[in-house]
Every structure is written in C-alpha cells, then in structure tokens.
Amino acid sequence: KMSPPYRVLLRNDNYNKREYVVQVLMKVIPCMTLDNAVNIMQEARYNGMSVDIICAQVDAEDRCMQLRGNGLLSSIEPASGGC
C-alpha cells in the first residue's frame, strides 16, 4: 500500500540570498530545473511559502531535513492528490 502524499514546503526567510536558495533547491530536489527553482524561490519570497515537491511521507521528511540542513526553513504537510 502506498503512503499518502505529503507536500514539502519552503518558507521565506530574511537570511538566505536568492541565488543560494535556488542552488539548494536544485541540489536537494530530484530533477529540479533552474527555472522551477527560481519560481519556487520567488513564490516563497512573495507569498511567505511555496510547495517544492509532493511525494511519499518518508521522501518528504528526507527532503525537508536536507533543506533545513542547508539553512532553509522547510516543513511538510499532508497533500491532497497524487505524487
């Protein structure tokens, strides 16, 4: 049985430079393109948070910890819909 999907959220902070956030997103999230990383970073800057990826809970927890380990503010929450 597949676990329910979870969202990995990126929250805005006033510490990290935009370029650094984009670099971390591309390093941590599989198949993240430069354009997608820039869009996610900008959404977090303007709206306070953005969704990085939707995936299984164990993967979401891992990605969240990697983002946090690189100094970004991240959390997870259950998602409605598929991966």
N, C-alpha and C. Protein backbone atom coordinates (compact mmCIF):
# COMPACT_ATOMS: atom_id res chain seq x y z
N LYS A 1 0.84 -1.19 0.00
CA LYS A 1 0.00 0.00 0.00
C LYS A 1 0.88 1.25 0.00
N MET A 2 0.52 2.23 -0.83
CA MET A 2 1.30 3.47 -0.89
C MET A 2 0.87 4.41 0.23
N SER A 3 1.85 5.11 0.76
CA SER A 3 1.53 6.08 1.80
C SER A 3 0.91 7.31 1.16
N PRO A 4 0.11 8.05 1.91
CA PRO A 4 -0.50 9.26 1.34
C PRO A 4 0.58 10.29 1.01
N PRO A 5 0.34 11.11 0.00
CA PRO A 5 1.35 12.10 -0.41
C PRO A 5 1.47 13.24 0.61
N TYR A 6 2.66 13.80 0.65
CA TYR A 6 2.97 14.96 1.50
C TYR A 6 3.59 16.06 0.66
N ARG A 7 3.33 17.29 1.06
CA ARG A 7 3.95 18.45 0.43
C ARG A 7 5.20 18.83 1.22
N VAL A 8 6.26 19.16 0.51
CA VAL A 8 7.45 19.75 1.13
C VAL A 8 7.33 21.25 0.89
N LEU A 9 7.29 22.02 1.96
CA LEU A 9 7.10 23.46 1.87
C LEU A 9 8.40 24.20 2.12
N LEU A 10 8.63 25.22 1.34
CA LEU A 10 9.74 26.14 1.57
C LEU A 10 9.14 27.42 2.12
N ARG A 11 9.66 27.87 3.25
CA ARG A 11 9.17 29.10 3.87
C ARG A 11 10.18 30.22 3.67
N ASN A 12 9.67 31.41 3.51
CA ASN A 12 10.54 32.56 3.29
C ASN A 12 11.35 32.86 4.55
N ASP A 13 12.56 33.32 4.36
CA ASP A 13 13.37 33.83 5.46
C ASP A 13 14.06 35.10 4.99
N ASN A 14 14.60 35.85 5.90
CA ASN A 14 15.27 37.10 5.55
C ASN A 14 16.78 36.97 5.63
N TYR A 15 17.27 35.73 5.57
CA TYR A 15 18.69 35.48 5.78
C TYR A 15 19.41 35.01 4.52
N ASN A 16 18.80 34.08 3.80
CA ASN A 16 19.48 33.46 2.67
C ASN A 16 19.27 34.25 1.39
N LYS A 17 20.34 34.38 0.61
CA LYS A 17 20.25 35.07 -0.67
C LYS A 17 19.48 34.21 -1.66
N ARG A 18 18.84 34.85 -2.60
CA ARG A 18 18.01 34.15 -3.58
C ARG A 18 18.80 33.10 -4.34
N GLU A 19 20.03 33.45 -4.74
CA GLU A 19 20.85 32.52 -5.52
C GLU A 19 21.14 31.26 -4.71
N TYR A 20 21.39 31.43 -3.41
CA TYR A 20 21.68 30.29 -2.54
C TYR A 20 20.46 29.37 -2.43
N VAL A 21 19.28 29.96 -2.26
CA VAL A 21 18.05 29.17 -2.16
C VAL A 21 17.86 28.34 -3.43
N VAL A 22 18.07 28.96 -4.58
CA VAL A 22 17.94 28.25 -5.86
C VAL A 22 18.93 27.10 -5.93
N GLN A 23 20.18 27.34 -5.54
CA GLN A 23 21.21 26.28 -5.54
C GLN A 23 20.80 25.10 -4.67
N VAL A 24 20.32 25.39 -3.47
CA VAL A 24 19.93 24.32 -2.54
C VAL A 24 18.76 23.53 -3.10
N LEU A 25 17.77 24.21 -3.64
CA LEU A 25 16.62 23.51 -4.22
C LEU A 25 17.07 22.55 -5.32
N MET A 26 17.98 23.01 -6.18
CA MET A 26 18.45 22.16 -7.28
C MET A 26 19.27 20.99 -6.76
N LYS A 27 19.95 21.17 -5.64
CA LYS A 27 20.77 20.10 -5.06
C LYS A 27 19.90 19.06 -4.35
N VAL A 28 18.85 19.50 -3.67
CA VAL A 28 18.08 18.62 -2.79
C VAL A 28 16.90 17.93 -3.49
N ILE A 29 16.24 18.63 -4.40
CA ILE A 29 15.03 18.10 -5.03
C ILE A 29 15.41 17.43 -6.35
N PRO A 30 15.08 16.14 -6.51
CA PRO A 30 15.43 15.43 -7.74
C PRO A 30 14.80 16.09 -8.98
N CYS A 31 15.58 16.19 -10.02
CA CYS A 31 15.12 16.70 -11.32
C CYS A 31 14.66 18.16 -11.27
N MET A 32 15.08 18.92 -10.27
CA MET A 32 14.70 20.33 -10.18
C MET A 32 15.48 21.12 -11.24
N THR A 33 14.74 21.83 -12.08
CA THR A 33 15.39 22.68 -13.09
C THR A 33 15.66 24.06 -12.51
N LEU A 34 16.51 24.80 -13.17
CA LEU A 34 16.80 26.16 -12.74
C LEU A 34 15.53 27.01 -12.75
N ASP A 35 14.75 26.90 -13.81
CA ASP A 35 13.51 27.69 -13.91
C ASP A 35 12.55 27.37 -12.78
N ASN A 36 12.36 26.08 -12.49
CA ASN A 36 11.46 25.68 -11.40
C ASN A 36 11.97 26.17 -10.06
N ALA A 37 13.28 26.06 -9.83
CA ALA A 37 13.86 26.50 -8.57
C ALA A 37 13.68 28.01 -8.38
N VAL A 38 13.88 28.77 -9.44
CA VAL A 38 13.68 30.22 -9.37
C VAL A 38 12.22 30.55 -9.06
N ASN A 39 11.30 29.86 -9.72
CA ASN A 39 9.87 30.10 -9.49
C ASN A 39 9.47 29.77 -8.06
N ILE A 40 9.98 28.66 -7.52
CA ILE A 40 9.68 28.26 -6.15
C ILE A 40 10.24 29.29 -5.16
N MET A 41 11.47 29.71 -5.40
CA MET A 41 12.09 30.71 -4.53
C MET A 41 11.29 32.00 -4.55
N GLN A 42 10.90 32.46 -5.74
CA GLN A 42 10.16 33.71 -5.85
C GLN A 42 8.79 33.61 -5.18
N GLU A 43 8.12 32.48 -5.35
CA GLU A 43 6.82 32.29 -4.71
C GLU A 43 6.96 32.36 -3.20
N ALA A 44 8.00 31.71 -2.65
CA ALA A 44 8.22 31.76 -1.20
C ALA A 44 8.52 33.20 -0.75
N ARG A 45 9.29 33.93 -1.51
CA ARG A 45 9.63 35.33 -1.16
C ARG A 45 8.38 36.20 -1.12
N TYR A 46 7.51 36.05 -2.11
CA TYR A 46 6.36 36.94 -2.23
C TYR A 46 5.15 36.49 -1.42
N ASN A 47 4.97 35.17 -1.26
CA ASN A 47 3.78 34.65 -0.58
C ASN A 47 4.07 34.09 0.81
N GLY A 48 5.34 34.05 1.20
CA GLY A 48 5.68 33.52 2.52
C GLY A 48 6.02 32.05 2.52
N MET A 49 5.54 31.31 1.52
CA MET A 49 5.89 29.90 1.39
C MET A 49 5.54 29.42 -0.01
N SER A 50 6.11 28.27 -0.35
CA SER A 50 5.82 27.64 -1.64
C SER A 50 5.95 26.13 -1.48
N VAL A 51 5.33 25.40 -2.39
CA VAL A 51 5.43 23.94 -2.42
C VAL A 51 6.58 23.56 -3.32
N ASP A 52 7.54 22.79 -2.76
CA ASP A 52 8.70 22.35 -3.54
C ASP A 52 8.39 21.10 -4.34
N ILE A 53 7.78 20.14 -3.65
CA ILE A 53 7.55 18.83 -4.26
C ILE A 53 6.45 18.13 -3.47
N ILE A 54 5.75 17.23 -4.12
CA ILE A 54 4.77 16.37 -3.46
C ILE A 54 5.23 14.94 -3.66
N CYS A 55 5.35 14.20 -2.55
CA CYS A 55 5.89 12.84 -2.63
C CYS A 55 5.47 12.04 -1.40
N ALA A 56 5.93 10.82 -1.30
CA ALA A 56 5.63 9.97 -0.14
C ALA A 56 6.19 10.60 1.13
N GLN A 57 5.57 10.30 2.26
CA GLN A 57 5.95 10.92 3.52
C GLN A 57 7.43 10.75 3.85
N VAL A 58 7.95 9.54 3.68
CA VAL A 58 9.36 9.30 4.02
C VAL A 58 10.28 10.15 3.16
N ASP A 59 9.95 10.30 1.88
CA ASP A 59 10.76 11.14 0.99
C ASP A 59 10.60 12.62 1.36
N ALA A 60 9.38 13.02 1.69
CA ALA A 60 9.13 14.41 2.09
C ALA A 60 9.93 14.75 3.34
N GLU A 61 9.94 13.86 4.31
CA GLU A 61 10.71 14.09 5.54
C GLU A 61 12.20 14.22 5.23
N ASP A 62 12.69 13.38 4.34
CA ASP A 62 14.11 13.43 3.96
C ASP A 62 14.45 14.75 3.26
N ARG A 63 13.63 15.16 2.29
CA ARG A 63 13.88 16.42 1.57
C ARG A 63 13.82 17.61 2.53
N CYS A 64 12.84 17.59 3.41
CA CYS A 64 12.69 18.66 4.39
C CYS A 64 13.94 18.77 5.27
N MET A 65 14.44 17.65 5.74
CA MET A 65 15.64 17.66 6.58
C MET A 65 16.86 18.15 5.80
N GLN A 66 16.94 17.78 4.52
CA GLN A 66 18.05 18.26 3.70
C GLN A 66 17.98 19.77 3.50
N LEU A 67 16.79 20.28 3.26
CA LEU A 67 16.63 21.73 3.11
C LEU A 67 17.03 22.44 4.41
N ARG A 68 16.55 21.92 5.52
CA ARG A 68 16.90 22.50 6.83
C ARG A 68 18.39 22.40 7.09
N GLY A 69 18.99 21.28 6.70
CA GLY A 69 20.42 21.09 6.89
C GLY A 69 21.26 22.09 6.11
N ASN A 70 20.65 22.66 5.07
CA ASN A 70 21.32 23.69 4.27
C ASN A 70 20.88 25.10 4.67
N GLY A 71 20.21 25.21 5.82
CA GLY A 71 19.87 26.51 6.36
C GLY A 71 18.56 27.12 5.89
N LEU A 72 17.73 26.36 5.17
CA LEU A 72 16.45 26.89 4.72
C LEU A 72 15.35 26.50 5.68
N LEU A 73 14.27 27.27 5.69
CA LEU A 73 13.11 26.98 6.51
C LEU A 73 12.18 26.08 5.70
N SER A 74 11.90 24.90 6.23
CA SER A 74 11.08 23.94 5.50
C SER A 74 10.22 23.16 6.47
N SER A 75 9.08 22.68 5.97
CA SER A 75 8.21 21.81 6.74
C SER A 75 7.46 20.93 5.76
N ILE A 76 6.73 19.95 6.30
CA ILE A 76 5.90 19.10 5.44
C ILE A 76 4.48 19.13 5.96
N GLU A 77 3.54 18.78 5.08
CA GLU A 77 2.14 18.64 5.46
C GLU A 77 1.48 17.66 4.51
N PRO A 78 0.41 17.00 4.96
CA PRO A 78 -0.29 16.08 4.05
C PRO A 78 -0.81 16.85 2.84
N ALA A 79 -0.79 16.18 1.70
CA ALA A 79 -1.28 16.77 0.46
C ALA A 79 -2.54 16.04 0.01
N SER A 80 -3.37 16.74 -0.70
CA SER A 80 -4.49 16.06 -1.33
C SER A 80 -4.13 15.86 -2.79
N GLY A 81 -4.32 14.66 -3.30
CA GLY A 81 -3.93 14.37 -4.66
C GLY A 81 -2.74 13.44 -4.70
N GLY A 82 -2.32 13.08 -5.90
CA GLY A 82 -1.24 12.09 -6.06
C GLY A 82 0.13 12.70 -6.13
N CYS A 83 1.14 11.83 -6.17
CA CYS A 83 2.54 12.28 -6.24
C CYS A 83 2.86 12.78 -7.64
